[in-house]
Amino acid sequence: MYMESIYVPEGLNLFVDVDKTPELNLIMVEGSLIFAPHTDPNHERYFDARYIFLNKGYMEVGTEEHPYTSKLTITMHGNISSPYLPIFGNKCIAVKESTLDMHGIKREPTWTVMNETSLPGAT
């Protein structure tokens, strides 16, 4: 099976606005990889890859000021025998001297205190 790789050079912004990508091999980002939210909060977008490598680049899935408001599933593919990126491993979003900005809709509460142990299947 042949998979495409994508190179985003410095100075280029790749704006991802497709609903589903094919399974990609490597996305090497030295520019920007920006995921566009949809106006419908229930809209789903899927991004499939083996490696995403940010090398002095930028990846954005929403910002603190403008959170990602629709649904995005990023699936990293591979297994234990997949080739490793040195230092980072496989099936990874590798970040080297880069910015990874991921902000979604704020969820409240973010934690809770339990008064007793919860057993599996308990409601």
PDB file of N, CA and C in Angstrom:
ATOM      1  N   MET A   1       0.850  -1.183   0.000  1.00  0.00           N
ATOM      2  CA  MET A   1       0.000   0.000   0.000  1.00  0.00           C
ATOM      3  C   MET A   1       0.891   1.240   0.000  1.00  0.00           C
ATOM      4  N   TYR A   2       0.656   2.135  -0.948  1.00  0.00           N
ATOM      5  CA  TYR A   2       1.440   3.351  -1.096  1.00  0.00           C
ATOM      6  C   TYR A   2       0.728   4.509  -0.412  1.00  0.00           C
ATOM      7  N   MET A   3       1.444   5.235   0.433  1.00  0.00           N
ATOM      8  CA  MET A   3       0.873   6.387   1.127  1.00  0.00           C
ATOM      9  C   MET A   3       1.666   7.633   0.781  1.00  0.00           C
ATOM     10  N   GLU A   4       0.959   8.720   0.628  1.00  0.00           N
ATOM     11  CA  GLU A   4       1.570  10.002   0.311  1.00  0.00           C
ATOM     12  C   GLU A   4       2.150  10.651   1.563  1.00  0.00           C
ATOM     13  N   SER A   5       3.193  11.433   1.364  1.00  0.00           N
ATOM     14  CA  SER A   5       3.745  12.284   2.409  1.00  0.00           C
ATOM     15  C   SER A   5       3.538  13.731   1.979  1.00  0.00           C
ATOM     16  N   ILE A   6       3.495  14.622   2.954  1.00  0.00           N
ATOM     17  CA  ILE A   6       3.269  16.045   2.680  1.00  0.00           C
ATOM     18  C   ILE A   6       4.370  16.841   3.362  1.00  0.00           C
ATOM     19  N   TYR A   7       4.942  17.790   2.624  1.00  0.00           N
ATOM     20  CA  TYR A   7       5.948  18.697   3.178  1.00  0.00           C
ATOM     21  C   TYR A   7       5.376  20.107   3.138  1.00  0.00           C
ATOM     22  N   VAL A   8       5.337  20.770   4.301  1.00  0.00           N
ATOM     23  CA  VAL A   8       4.866  22.148   4.403  1.00  0.00           C
ATOM     24  C   VAL A   8       6.082  23.002   4.737  1.00  0.00           C
ATOM     25  N   PRO A   9       6.671  23.659   3.741  1.00  0.00           N
ATOM     26  CA  PRO A   9       7.892  24.421   3.987  1.00  0.00           C
ATOM     27  C   PRO A   9       7.637  25.701   4.775  1.00  0.00           C
ATOM     28  N   GLU A  10       8.694  26.253   5.337  1.00  0.00           N
ATOM     29  CA  GLU A  10       8.620  27.525   6.053  1.00  0.00           C
ATOM     30  C   GLU A  10       7.991  28.573   5.151  1.00  0.00           C
ATOM     31  N   GLY A  11       7.083  29.354   5.718  1.00  0.00           N
ATOM     32  CA  GLY A  11       6.414  30.407   4.955  1.00  0.00           C
ATOM     33  C   GLY A  11       5.117  29.956   4.299  1.00  0.00           C
ATOM     34  N   LEU A  12       4.822  28.653   4.314  1.00  0.00           N
ATOM     35  CA  LEU A  12       3.583  28.147   3.716  1.00  0.00           C
ATOM     36  C   LEU A  12       2.623  27.728   4.819  1.00  0.00           C
ATOM     37  N   ASN A  13       1.341  28.054   4.644  1.00  0.00           N
ATOM     38  CA  ASN A  13       0.301  27.650   5.587  1.00  0.00           C
ATOM     39  C   ASN A  13      -0.602  26.653   4.889  1.00  0.00           C
ATOM     40  N   LEU A  14      -0.709  25.441   5.428  1.00  0.00           N
ATOM     41  CA  LEU A  14      -1.620  24.437   4.886  1.00  0.00           C
ATOM     42  C   LEU A  14      -2.877  24.457   5.736  1.00  0.00           C
ATOM     43  N   PHE A  15      -3.989  24.824   5.111  1.00  0.00           N
ATOM     44  CA  PHE A  15      -5.273  24.983   5.770  1.00  0.00           C
ATOM     45  C   PHE A  15      -6.085  23.720   5.503  1.00  0.00           C
ATOM     46  N   VAL A  16      -6.318  22.903   6.528  1.00  0.00           N
ATOM     47  CA  VAL A  16      -7.028  21.630   6.357  1.00  0.00           C
ATOM     48  C   VAL A  16      -8.522  21.881   6.541  1.00  0.00           C
ATOM     49  N   ASP A  17      -9.257  21.777   5.441  1.00  0.00           N
ATOM     50  CA  ASP A  17     -10.702  21.991   5.499  1.00  0.00           C
ATOM     51  C   ASP A  17     -11.476  20.859   4.831  1.00  0.00           C
ATOM     52  N   VAL A  18     -10.818  19.721   4.601  1.00  0.00           N
ATOM     53  CA  VAL A  18     -11.503  18.551   4.039  1.00  0.00           C
ATOM     54  C   VAL A  18     -12.078  17.728   5.186  1.00  0.00           C
ATOM     55  N   ASP A  19     -13.133  16.983   4.904  1.00  0.00           N
ATOM     56  CA  ASP A  19     -13.786  16.195   5.951  1.00  0.00           C
ATOM     57  C   ASP A  19     -13.005  14.947   6.333  1.00  0.00           C
ATOM     58  N   LYS A  20     -12.311  14.323   5.362  1.00  0.00           N
ATOM     59  CA  LYS A  20     -11.558  13.104   5.658  1.00  0.00           C
ATOM     60  C   LYS A  20     -10.371  13.027   4.734  1.00  0.00           C
ATOM     61  N   THR A  21      -9.196  12.803   5.325  1.00  0.00           N
ATOM     62  CA  THR A  21      -8.003  12.618   4.510  1.00  0.00           C
ATOM     63  C   THR A  21      -7.789  11.123   4.286  1.00  0.00           C
ATOM     64  N   PRO A  22      -7.058  10.766   3.239  1.00  0.00           N
ATOM     65  CA  PRO A  22      -6.620   9.378   3.152  1.00  0.00           C
ATOM     66  C   PRO A  22      -5.573   9.157   4.244  1.00  0.00           C
ATOM     67  N   GLU A  23      -5.193   7.924   4.479  1.00  0.00           N
ATOM     68  CA  GLU A  23      -4.126   7.672   5.445  1.00  0.00           C
ATOM     69  C   GLU A  23      -2.824   8.174   4.830  1.00  0.00           C
ATOM     70  N   LEU A  24      -2.249   9.180   5.458  1.00  0.00           N
ATOM     71  CA  LEU A  24      -1.010   9.781   4.982  1.00  0.00           C
ATOM     72  C   LEU A  24       0.167   9.162   5.716  1.00  0.00           C
ATOM     73  N   ASN A  25       1.334   9.202   5.110  1.00  0.00           N
ATOM     74  CA  ASN A  25       2.527   8.654   5.745  1.00  0.00           C
ATOM     75  C   ASN A  25       3.111   9.686   6.708  1.00  0.00           C
ATOM     76  N   LEU A  26       3.831  10.655   6.189  1.00  0.00           N
ATOM     77  CA  LEU A  26       4.506  11.672   7.003  1.00  0.00           C
ATOM     78  C   LEU A  26       4.022  13.048   6.589  1.00  0.00           C
ATOM     79  N   ILE A  27       3.696  13.875   7.568  1.00  0.00           N
ATOM     80  CA  ILE A  27       3.430  15.285   7.329  1.00  0.00           C
ATOM     81  C   ILE A  27       4.559  16.035   8.027  1.00  0.00           C
ATOM     82  N   MET A  28       5.466  16.598   7.243  1.00  0.00           N
ATOM     83  CA  MET A  28       6.609  17.357   7.768  1.00  0.00           C
ATOM     84  C   MET A  28       6.243  18.828   7.692  1.00  0.00           C
ATOM     85  N   VAL A  29       6.149  19.477   8.868  1.00  0.00           N
ATOM     86  CA  VAL A  29       5.672  20.862   8.936  1.00  0.00           C
ATOM     87  C   VAL A  29       6.803  21.772   9.415  1.00  0.00           C
ATOM     88  N   GLU A  30       7.261  22.639   8.508  1.00  0.00           N
ATOM     89  CA  GLU A  30       8.198  23.701   8.870  1.00  0.00           C
ATOM     90  C   GLU A  30       7.509  25.060   8.731  1.00  0.00           C
ATOM     91  N   GLY A  31       6.329  25.046   8.144  1.00  0.00           N
ATOM     92  CA  GLY A  31       5.461  26.222   8.058  1.00  0.00           C
ATOM     93  C   GLY A  31       4.336  26.051   9.067  1.00  0.00           C
ATOM     94  N   SER A  32       3.077  26.083   8.581  1.00  0.00           N
ATOM     95  CA  SER A  32       1.913  25.955   9.470  1.00  0.00           C
ATOM     96  C   SER A  32       0.929  24.918   8.939  1.00  0.00           C
ATOM     97  N   LEU A  33       0.380  24.137   9.851  1.00  0.00           N
ATOM     98  CA  LEU A  33      -0.698  23.187   9.570  1.00  0.00           C
ATOM     99  C   LEU A  33      -1.873  23.629  10.430  1.00  0.00           C
ATOM    100  N   ILE A  34      -2.925  24.143   9.786  1.00  0.00           N
ATOM    101  CA  ILE A  34      -4.036  24.745  10.515  1.00  0.00           C
ATOM    102  C   ILE A  34      -5.325  24.010  10.165  1.00  0.00           C
ATOM    103  N   PHE A  35      -6.028  23.527  11.199  1.00  0.00           N
ATOM    104  CA  PHE A  35      -7.291  22.822  11.007  1.00  0.00           C
ATOM    105  C   PHE A  35      -8.429  23.817  11.149  1.00  0.00           C
ATOM    106  N   ALA A  36      -9.221  23.925  10.091  1.00  0.00           N
ATOM    107  CA  ALA A  36     -10.316  24.893  10.058  1.00  0.00           C
ATOM    108  C   ALA A  36     -11.546  24.322  10.732  1.00  0.00           C
ATOM    109  N   PRO A  37     -12.093  25.004  11.743  1.00  0.00           N
ATOM    110  CA  PRO A  37     -13.343  24.522  12.324  1.00  0.00           C
ATOM    111  C   PRO A  37     -14.503  24.755  11.361  1.00  0.00           C
ATOM    112  N   HIS A  38     -15.520  23.966  11.504  1.00  0.00           N
ATOM    113  CA  HIS A  38     -16.732  24.104  10.694  1.00  0.00           C
ATOM    114  C   HIS A  38     -17.728  24.937  11.500  1.00  0.00           C
ATOM    115  N   THR A  39     -18.637  25.601  10.828  1.00  0.00           N
ATOM    116  CA  THR A  39     -19.623  26.414  11.552  1.00  0.00           C
ATOM    117  C   THR A  39     -20.608  25.558  12.332  1.00  0.00           C
ATOM    118  N   ASP A  40     -20.819  24.304  11.900  1.00  0.00           N
ATOM    119  CA  ASP A  40     -21.712  23.383  12.607  1.00  0.00           C
ATOM    120  C   ASP A  40     -20.918  22.682  13.706  1.00  0.00           C
ATOM    121  N   PRO A  41     -21.273  22.859  14.987  1.00  0.00           N
ATOM    122  CA  PRO A  41     -20.510  22.240  16.066  1.00  0.00           C
ATOM    123  C   PRO A  41     -20.549  20.707  16.052  1.00  0.00           C
ATOM    124  N   ASN A  42     -21.516  20.109  15.330  1.00  0.00           N
ATOM    125  CA  ASN A  42     -21.600  18.648  15.236  1.00  0.00           C
ATOM    126  C   ASN A  42     -20.886  18.085  14.014  1.00  0.00           C
ATOM    127  N   HIS A  43     -20.324  18.952  13.194  1.00  0.00           N
ATOM    128  CA  HIS A  43     -19.594  18.506  12.008  1.00  0.00           C
ATOM    129  C   HIS A  43     -18.337  17.754  12.438  1.00  0.00           C
ATOM    130  N   GLU A  44     -18.054  16.632  11.773  1.00  0.00           N
ATOM    131  CA  GLU A  44     -16.871  15.841  12.124  1.00  0.00           C
ATOM    132  C   GLU A  44     -15.869  15.847  10.987  1.00  0.00           C
ATOM    133  N   ARG A  45     -14.611  15.979  11.361  1.00  0.00           N
ATOM    134  CA  ARG A  45     -13.506  15.961  10.417  1.00  0.00           C
ATOM    135  C   ARG A  45     -12.533  14.874  10.889  1.00  0.00           C
ATOM    136  N   TYR A  46     -11.912  14.144   9.941  1.00  0.00           N
ATOM    137  CA  TYR A  46     -10.992  13.054  10.273  1.00  0.00           C
ATOM    138  C   TYR A  46      -9.661  13.270   9.564  1.00  0.00           C
ATOM    139  N   PHE A  47      -8.577  13.133  10.320  1.00  0.00           N
ATOM    140  CA  PHE A  47      -7.222  13.297   9.777  1.00  0.00           C
ATOM    141  C   PHE A  47      -6.429  12.060  10.167  1.00  0.00           C
ATOM    142  N   ASP A  48      -5.923  11.327   9.171  1.00  0.00           N
ATOM    143  CA  ASP A  48      -5.226  10.061   9.397  1.00  0.00           C
ATOM    144  C   ASP A  48      -3.797  10.144   8.888  1.00  0.00           C
ATOM    145  N   ALA A  49      -2.841   9.763   9.742  1.00  0.00           N
ATOM    146  CA  ALA A  49      -1.428   9.800   9.354  1.00  0.00           C
ATOM    147  C   ALA A  49      -0.629   8.807  10.181  1.00  0.00           C
ATOM    148  N   ARG A  50       0.578   8.549   9.738  1.00  0.00           N
ATOM    149  CA  ARG A  50       1.508   7.730  10.513  1.00  0.00           C
ATOM    150  C   ARG A  50       2.405   8.610  11.379  1.00  0.00           C
ATOM    151  N   TYR A  51       2.825   9.745  10.838  1.00  0.00           N
ATOM    152  CA  TYR A  51       3.703  10.658  11.573  1.00  0.00           C
ATOM    153  C   TYR A  51       3.321  12.093  11.224  1.00  0.00           C
ATOM    154  N   ILE A  52       3.295  12.948  12.222  1.00  0.00           N
ATOM    155  CA  ILE A  52       3.230  14.394  12.009  1.00  0.00           C
ATOM    156  C   ILE A  52       4.469  14.941  12.702  1.00  0.00           C
ATOM    157  N   PHE A  53       5.336  15.596  11.954  1.00  0.00           N
ATOM    158  CA  PHE A  53       6.598  16.099  12.508  1.00  0.00           C
ATOM    159  C   PHE A  53       6.641  17.611  12.334  1.00  0.00           C
ATOM    160  N   LEU A  54       6.544  18.324  13.468  1.00  0.00           N
ATOM    161  CA  LEU A  54       6.657  19.779  13.472  1.00  0.00           C
ATOM    162  C   LEU A  54       8.119  20.118  13.724  1.00  0.00           C
ATOM    163  N   ASN A  55       8.789  20.665  12.725  1.00  0.00           N
ATOM    164  CA  ASN A  55      10.199  21.023  12.821  1.00  0.00           C
ATOM    165  C   ASN A  55      10.323  22.531  12.631  1.00  0.00           C
ATOM    166  N   LYS A  56      10.345  23.262  13.746  1.00  0.00           N
ATOM    167  CA  LYS A  56      10.320  24.730  13.726  1.00  0.00           C
ATOM    168  C   LYS A  56       9.055  25.210  13.025  1.00  0.00           C
ATOM    169  N   GLY A  57       7.979  24.447  13.188  1.00  0.00           N
ATOM    170  CA  GLY A  57       6.713  24.760  12.539  1.00  0.00           C
ATOM    171  C   GLY A  57       5.628  25.043  13.552  1.00  0.00           C
ATOM    172  N   TYR A  58       4.387  25.043  13.053  1.00  0.00           N
ATOM    173  CA  TYR A  58       3.244  25.415  13.870  1.00  0.00           C
ATOM    174  C   TYR A  58       2.057  24.559  13.452  1.00  0.00           C
ATOM    175  N   MET A  59       1.373  23.978  14.436  1.00  0.00           N
ATOM    176  CA  MET A  59       0.141  23.232  14.171  1.00  0.00           C
ATOM    177  C   MET A  59      -0.940  23.802  15.071  1.00  0.00           C
ATOM    178  N   GLU A  60      -2.078  24.129  14.457  1.00  0.00           N
ATOM    179  CA  GLU A  60      -3.167  24.753  15.205  1.00  0.00           C
ATOM    180  C   GLU A  60      -4.472  23.998  15.010  1.00  0.00           C
ATOM    181  N   VAL A  61      -5.060  23.616  16.144  1.00  0.00           N
ATOM    182  CA  VAL A  61      -6.432  23.091  16.184  1.00  0.00           C
ATOM    183  C   VAL A  61      -7.136  23.978  17.205  1.00  0.00           C
ATOM    184  N   GLY A  62      -7.508  25.173  16.789  1.00  0.00           N
ATOM    185  CA  GLY A  62      -8.083  26.158  17.691  1.00  0.00           C
ATOM    186  C   GLY A  62      -7.023  26.867  18.504  1.00  0.00           C
ATOM    187  N   THR A  63      -7.367  28.052  18.960  1.00  0.00           N
ATOM    188  CA  THR A  63      -6.482  28.820  19.845  1.00  0.00           C
ATOM    189  C   THR A  63      -7.257  29.145  21.115  1.00  0.00           C
ATOM    190  N   GLU A  64      -6.581  29.675  22.090  1.00  0.00           N
ATOM    191  CA  GLU A  64      -7.257  30.043  23.332  1.00  0.00           C
ATOM    192  C   GLU A  64      -8.346  31.090  23.068  1.00  0.00           C
ATOM    193  N   GLU A  65      -8.048  32.034  22.188  1.00  0.00           N
ATOM    194  CA  GLU A  65      -9.017  33.079  21.862  1.00  0.00           C
ATOM    195  C   GLU A  65     -10.135  32.566  20.955  1.00  0.00           C
ATOM    196  N   HIS A  66      -9.819  31.628  20.067  1.00  0.00           N
ATOM    197  CA  HIS A  66     -10.779  31.074  19.107  1.00  0.00           C
ATOM    198  C   HIS A  66     -10.688  29.549  19.138  1.00  0.00           C
ATOM    199  N   PRO A  67     -11.355  28.904  20.117  1.00  0.00           N
ATOM    200  CA  PRO A  67     -11.269  27.447  20.238  1.00  0.00           C
ATOM    201  C   PRO A  67     -11.888  26.726  19.045  1.00  0.00           C
ATOM    202  N   TYR A  68     -11.406  25.510  18.803  1.00  0.00           N
ATOM    203  CA  TYR A  68     -11.951  24.652  17.750  1.00  0.00           C
ATOM    204  C   TYR A  68     -13.335  24.211  18.207  1.00  0.00           C
ATOM    205  N   THR A  69     -14.374  24.533  17.442  1.00  0.00           N
ATOM    206  CA  THR A  69     -15.739  24.324  17.912  1.00  0.00           C
ATOM    207  C   THR A  69     -16.435  23.115  17.305  1.00  0.00           C
ATOM    208  N   SER A  70     -15.888  22.536  16.240  1.00  0.00           N
ATOM    209  CA  SER A  70     -16.483  21.333  15.677  1.00  0.00           C
ATOM    210  C   SER A  70     -15.678  20.127  16.146  1.00  0.00           C
ATOM    211  N   LYS A  71     -15.930  18.948  15.563  1.00  0.00           N
ATOM    212  CA  LYS A  71     -15.273  17.721  16.032  1.00  0.00           C
ATOM    213  C   LYS A  71     -14.160  17.322  15.078  1.00  0.00           C
ATOM    214  N   LEU A  72     -13.008  16.963  15.638  1.00  0.00           N
ATOM    215  CA  LEU A  72     -11.863  16.520  14.851  1.00  0.00           C
ATOM    216  C   LEU A  72     -11.291  15.268  15.484  1.00  0.00           C
ATOM    217  N   THR A  73     -11.100  14.238  14.669  1.00  0.00           N
ATOM    218  CA  THR A  73     -10.449  13.012  15.121  1.00  0.00           C
ATOM    219  C   THR A  73      -9.138  12.885  14.361  1.00  0.00           C
ATOM    220  N   ILE A  74      -8.027  12.931  15.088  1.00  0.00           N
ATOM    221  CA  ILE A  74      -6.712  12.713  14.501  1.00  0.00           C
ATOM    222  C   ILE A  74      -6.307  11.297  14.885  1.00  0.00           C
ATOM    223  N   THR A  75      -6.116  10.436  13.895  1.00  0.00           N
ATOM    224  CA  THR A  75      -5.728   9.048  14.160  1.00  0.00           C
ATOM    225  C   THR A  75      -4.314   8.822  13.654  1.00  0.00           C
ATOM    226  N   MET A  76      -3.452   8.375  14.562  1.00  0.00           N
ATOM    227  CA  MET A  76      -2.081   8.049  14.205  1.00  0.00           C
ATOM    228  C   MET A  76      -2.018   6.541  13.968  1.00  0.00           C
ATOM    229  N   HIS A  77      -1.543   6.121  12.794  1.00  0.00           N
ATOM    230  CA  HIS A  77      -1.536   4.719  12.392  1.00  0.00           C
ATOM    231  C   HIS A  77      -0.145   4.106  12.537  1.00  0.00           C
ATOM    232  N   GLY A  78      -0.107   2.816  12.767  1.00  0.00           N
ATOM    233  CA  GLY A  78       1.144   2.073  12.848  1.00  0.00           C
ATOM    234  C   GLY A  78       1.035   0.973  13.888  1.00  0.00           C
ATOM    235  N   ASN A  79       2.122   0.250  14.048  1.00  0.00           N
ATOM    236  CA  ASN A  79       2.179  -0.795  15.062  1.00  0.00           C
ATOM    237  C   ASN A  79       3.597  -0.877  15.603  1.00  0.00           C
ATOM    238  N   ILE A  80       3.847  -1.859  16.442  1.00  0.00           N
ATOM    239  CA  ILE A  80       5.148  -1.947  17.115  1.00  0.00           C
ATOM    240  C   ILE A  80       6.312  -2.121  16.132  1.00  0.00           C
ATOM    241  N   SER A  81       6.038  -2.648  14.941  1.00  0.00           N
ATOM    242  CA  SER A  81       7.128  -2.854  13.977  1.00  0.00           C
ATOM    243  C   SER A  81       7.240  -1.706  12.974  1.00  0.00           C
ATOM    244  N   SER A  82       6.418  -0.657  13.109  1.00  0.00           N
ATOM    245  CA  SER A  82       6.524   0.501  12.220  1.00  0.00           C
ATOM    246  C   SER A  82       7.845   1.220  12.462  1.00  0.00           C
ATOM    247  N   PRO A  83       8.442   1.785  11.400  1.00  0.00           N
ATOM    248  CA  PRO A  83       9.712   2.504  11.584  1.00  0.00           C
ATOM    249  C   PRO A  83       9.581   3.642  12.591  1.00  0.00           C
ATOM    250  N   TYR A  84      10.635   3.857  13.354  1.00  0.00           N
ATOM    251  CA  TYR A  84      10.679   4.902  14.370  1.00  0.00           C
ATOM    252  C   TYR A  84      11.336   6.159  13.827  1.00  0.00           C
ATOM    253  N   LEU A  85      10.802   7.319  14.223  1.00  0.00           N
ATOM    254  CA  LEU A  85      11.535   8.563  14.032  1.00  0.00           C
ATOM    255  C   LEU A  85      12.518   8.636  15.193  1.00  0.00           C
ATOM    256  N   PRO A  86      13.802   8.851  14.925  1.00  0.00           N
ATOM    257  CA  PRO A  86      14.754   8.918  16.035  1.00  0.00           C
ATOM    258  C   PRO A  86      14.286   9.896  17.111  1.00  0.00           C
ATOM    259  N   ILE A  87      14.401   9.511  18.344  1.00  0.00           N
ATOM    260  CA  ILE A  87      14.011  10.258  19.552  1.00  0.00           C
ATOM    261  C   ILE A  87      12.495  10.213  19.792  1.00  0.00           C
ATOM    262  N   PHE A  88      11.674  10.311  18.738  1.00  0.00           N
ATOM    263  CA  PHE A  88      10.229  10.468  18.900  1.00  0.00           C
ATOM    264  C   PHE A  88       9.438   9.166  18.858  1.00  0.00           C
ATOM    265  N   GLY A  89       9.913   8.169  18.149  1.00  0.00           N
ATOM    266  CA  GLY A  89       9.191   6.905  18.047  1.00  0.00           C
ATOM    267  C   GLY A  89       8.305   6.851  16.821  1.00  0.00           C
ATOM    268  N   ASN A  90       7.249   5.993  16.887  1.00  0.00           N
ATOM    269  CA  ASN A  90       6.321   5.888  15.757  1.00  0.00           C
ATOM    270  C   ASN A  90       4.927   6.294  16.207  1.00  0.00           C
ATOM    271  N   LYS A  91       4.019   6.410  15.231  1.00  0.00           N
ATOM    272  CA  LYS A  91       2.652   6.854  15.522  1.00  0.00           C
ATOM    273  C   LYS A  91       2.660   8.097  16.400  1.00  0.00           C
ATOM    274  N   CYS A  92       3.310   9.152  15.937  1.00  0.00           N
ATOM    275  CA  CYS A  92       3.513  10.283  16.840  1.00  0.00           C
ATOM    276  C   CYS A  92       3.242  11.627  16.179  1.00  0.00           C
ATOM    277  N   ILE A  93       2.945  12.592  17.036  1.00  0.00           N
ATOM    278  CA  ILE A  93       3.007  13.994  16.667  1.00  0.00           C
ATOM    279  C   ILE A  93       4.283  14.495  17.337  1.00  0.00           C
ATOM    280  N   ALA A  94       5.340  14.607  16.554  1.00  0.00           N
ATOM    281  CA  ALA A  94       6.652  14.994  17.067  1.00  0.00           C
ATOM    282  C   ALA A  94       6.788  16.512  16.994  1.00  0.00           C
ATOM    283  N   VAL A  95       7.267  17.118  18.076  1.00  0.00           N
ATOM    284  CA  VAL A  95       7.377  18.572  18.153  1.00  0.00           C
ATOM    285  C   VAL A  95       8.815  18.941  18.484  1.00  0.00           C
ATOM    286  N   LYS A  96       9.494  19.576  17.518  1.00  0.00           N
ATOM    287  CA  LYS A  96      10.883  20.007  17.722  1.00  0.00           C
ATOM    288  C   LYS A  96      10.971  21.503  17.434  1.00  0.00           C
ATOM    289  N   GLU A  97      11.241  22.281  18.492  1.00  0.00           N
ATOM    290  CA  GLU A  97      11.361  23.737  18.371  1.00  0.00           C
ATOM    291  C   GLU A  97      10.151  24.309  17.622  1.00  0.00           C
ATOM    292  N   SER A  98       8.962  23.891  18.017  1.00  0.00           N
ATOM    293  CA  SER A  98       7.733  24.237  17.310  1.00  0.00           C
ATOM    294  C   SER A  98       6.635  24.594  18.299  1.00  0.00           C
ATOM    295  N   THR A  99       5.458  24.924  17.761  1.00  0.00           N
ATOM    296  CA  THR A  99       4.284  25.210  18.573  1.00  0.00           C
ATOM    297  C   THR A  99       3.151  24.296  18.147  1.00  0.00           C
ATOM    298  N   LEU A 100       2.565  23.616  19.129  1.00  0.00           N
ATOM    299  CA  LEU A 100       1.377  22.799  18.922  1.00  0.00           C
ATOM    300  C   LEU A 100       0.274  23.439  19.755  1.00  0.00           C
ATOM    301  N   ASP A 101      -0.698  24.052  19.092  1.00  0.00           N
ATOM    302  CA  ASP A 101      -1.762  24.795  19.762  1.00  0.00           C
ATOM    303  C   ASP A 101      -3.071  24.054  19.543  1.00  0.00           C
ATOM    304  N   MET A 102      -3.629  23.476  20.619  1.00  0.00           N
ATOM    305  CA  MET A 102      -4.887  22.733  20.531  1.00  0.00           C
ATOM    306  C   MET A 102      -5.824  23.213  21.630  1.00  0.00           C
ATOM    307  N   HIS A 103      -6.912  23.849  21.220  1.00  0.00           N
ATOM    308  CA  HIS A 103      -7.900  24.354  22.169  1.00  0.00           C
ATOM    309  C   HIS A 103      -9.282  24.045  21.638  1.00  0.00           C
ATOM    310  N   GLY A 104     -10.091  23.405  22.473  1.00  0.00           N
ATOM    311  CA  GLY A 104     -11.466  23.105  22.114  1.00  0.00           C
ATOM    312  C   GLY A 104     -12.407  23.853  23.024  1.00  0.00           C
ATOM    313  N   ILE A 105     -13.658  23.474  22.946  1.00  0.00           N
ATOM    314  CA  ILE A 105     -14.678  24.101  23.784  1.00  0.00           C
ATOM    315  C   ILE A 105     -14.394  23.772  25.244  1.00  0.00           C
ATOM    316  N   LYS A 106     -14.471  24.771  26.097  1.00  0.00           N
ATOM    317  CA  LYS A 106     -14.220  24.582  27.523  1.00  0.00           C
ATOM    318  C   LYS A 106     -15.287  23.657  28.111  1.00  0.00           C
ATOM    319  N   ARG A 107     -14.851  22.691  28.885  1.00  0.00           N
ATOM    320  CA  ARG A 107     -15.765  21.745  29.515  1.00  0.00           C
ATOM    321  C   ARG A 107     -15.722  21.939  31.021  1.00  0.00           C
ATOM    322  N   GLU A 108     -16.898  21.999  31.625  1.00  0.00           N
ATOM    323  CA  GLU A 108     -17.009  22.172  33.070  1.00  0.00           C
ATOM    324  C   GLU A 108     -17.870  21.055  33.629  1.00  0.00           C
ATOM    325  N   PRO A 109     -17.625  20.458  34.717  1.00  0.00           N
ATOM    326  CA  PRO A 109     -16.367  20.578  35.456  1.00  0.00           C
ATOM    327  C   PRO A 109     -15.281  19.732  34.791  1.00  0.00           C
ATOM    328  N   THR A 110     -14.050  20.057  35.073  1.00  0.00           N
ATOM    329  CA  THR A 110     -12.944  19.293  34.501  1.00  0.00           C
ATOM    330  C   THR A 110     -12.519  18.155  35.414  1.00  0.00           C
ATOM    331  N   TRP A 111     -13.020  18.138  36.649  1.00  0.00           N
ATOM    332  CA  TRP A 111     -12.705  17.071  37.594  1.00  0.00           C
ATOM    333  C   TRP A 111     -13.796  17.050  38.663  1.00  0.00           C
ATOM    334  N   THR A 112     -13.781  16.027  39.484  1.00  0.00           N
ATOM    335  CA  THR A 112     -14.763  15.921  40.556  1.00  0.00           C
ATOM    336  C   THR A 112     -14.139  15.190  41.739  1.00  0.00           C
ATOM    337  N   VAL A 113     -14.772  15.287  42.880  1.00  0.00           N
ATOM    338  CA  VAL A 113     -14.345  14.567  44.075  1.00  0.00           C
ATOM    339  C   VAL A 113     -15.358  13.451  44.315  1.00  0.00           C
ATOM    340  N   MET A 114     -14.871  12.244  44.530  1.00  0.00           N
ATOM    341  CA  MET A 114     -15.769  11.120  44.807  1.00  0.00           C
ATOM    342  C   MET A 114     -15.705  10.790  46.287  1.00  0.00           C
ATOM    343  N   ASN A 115     -16.860  10.480  46.847  1.00  0.00           N
ATOM    344  CA  ASN A 115     -16.937  10.144  48.264  1.00  0.00           C
ATOM    345  C   ASN A 115     -16.695   8.667  48.531  1.00  0.00           C
ATOM    346  N   GLU A 116     -16.772   7.847  47.472  1.00  0.00           N
ATOM    347  CA  GLU A 116     -16.545   6.412  47.635  1.00  0.00           C
ATOM    348  C   GLU A 116     -16.021   5.838  46.318  1.00  0.00           C
ATOM    349  N   THR A 117     -15.504   4.618  46.396  1.00  0.00           N
ATOM    350  CA  THR A 117     -14.976   3.938  45.225  1.00  0.00           C
ATOM    351  C   THR A 117     -16.108   3.584  44.283  1.00  0.00           C
ATOM    352  N   SER A 118     -15.880   3.804  42.997  1.00  0.00           N
ATOM    353  CA  SER A 118     -16.860   3.455  41.967  1.00  0.00           C
ATOM    354  C   SER A 118     -16.487   2.100  41.376  1.00  0.00           C
ATOM    355  N   LEU A 119     -17.409   1.183  41.373  1.00  0.00           N
ATOM    356  CA  LEU A 119     -17.177  -0.145  40.820  1.00  0.00           C
ATOM    357  C   LEU A 119     -17.437  -0.125  39.303  1.00  0.00           C
ATOM    358  N   PRO A 120     -16.757  -0.993  38.545  1.00  0.00           N
ATOM    359  CA  PRO A 120     -16.984  -1.050  37.097  1.00  0.00           C
ATOM    360  C   PRO A 120     -18.465  -1.254  36.784  1.00  0.00           C
ATOM    361  N   GLY A 121     -18.980  -0.474  35.856  1.00  0.00           N
ATOM    362  CA  GLY A 121     -20.369  -0.578  35.445  1.00  0.00           C
ATOM    363  C   GLY A 121     -21.343   0.201  36.297  1.00  0.00           C
ATOM    364  N   ALA A 122     -20.877   0.776  37.408  1.00  0.00           N
ATOM    365  CA  ALA A 122     -21.769   1.541  38.287  1.00  0.00           C
ATOM    366  C   ALA A 122     -22.203   2.821  37.597  1.00  0.00           C
ATOM    367  N   THR A 123     -23.391   3.295  37.942  1.00  0.00           N
ATOM    368  CA  THR A 123     -23.868   4.553  37.354  1.00  0.00           C
ATOM    369  C   THR A 123     -24.015   5.627  38.417  1.00  0.00           C
TER     370      THR A 123
END
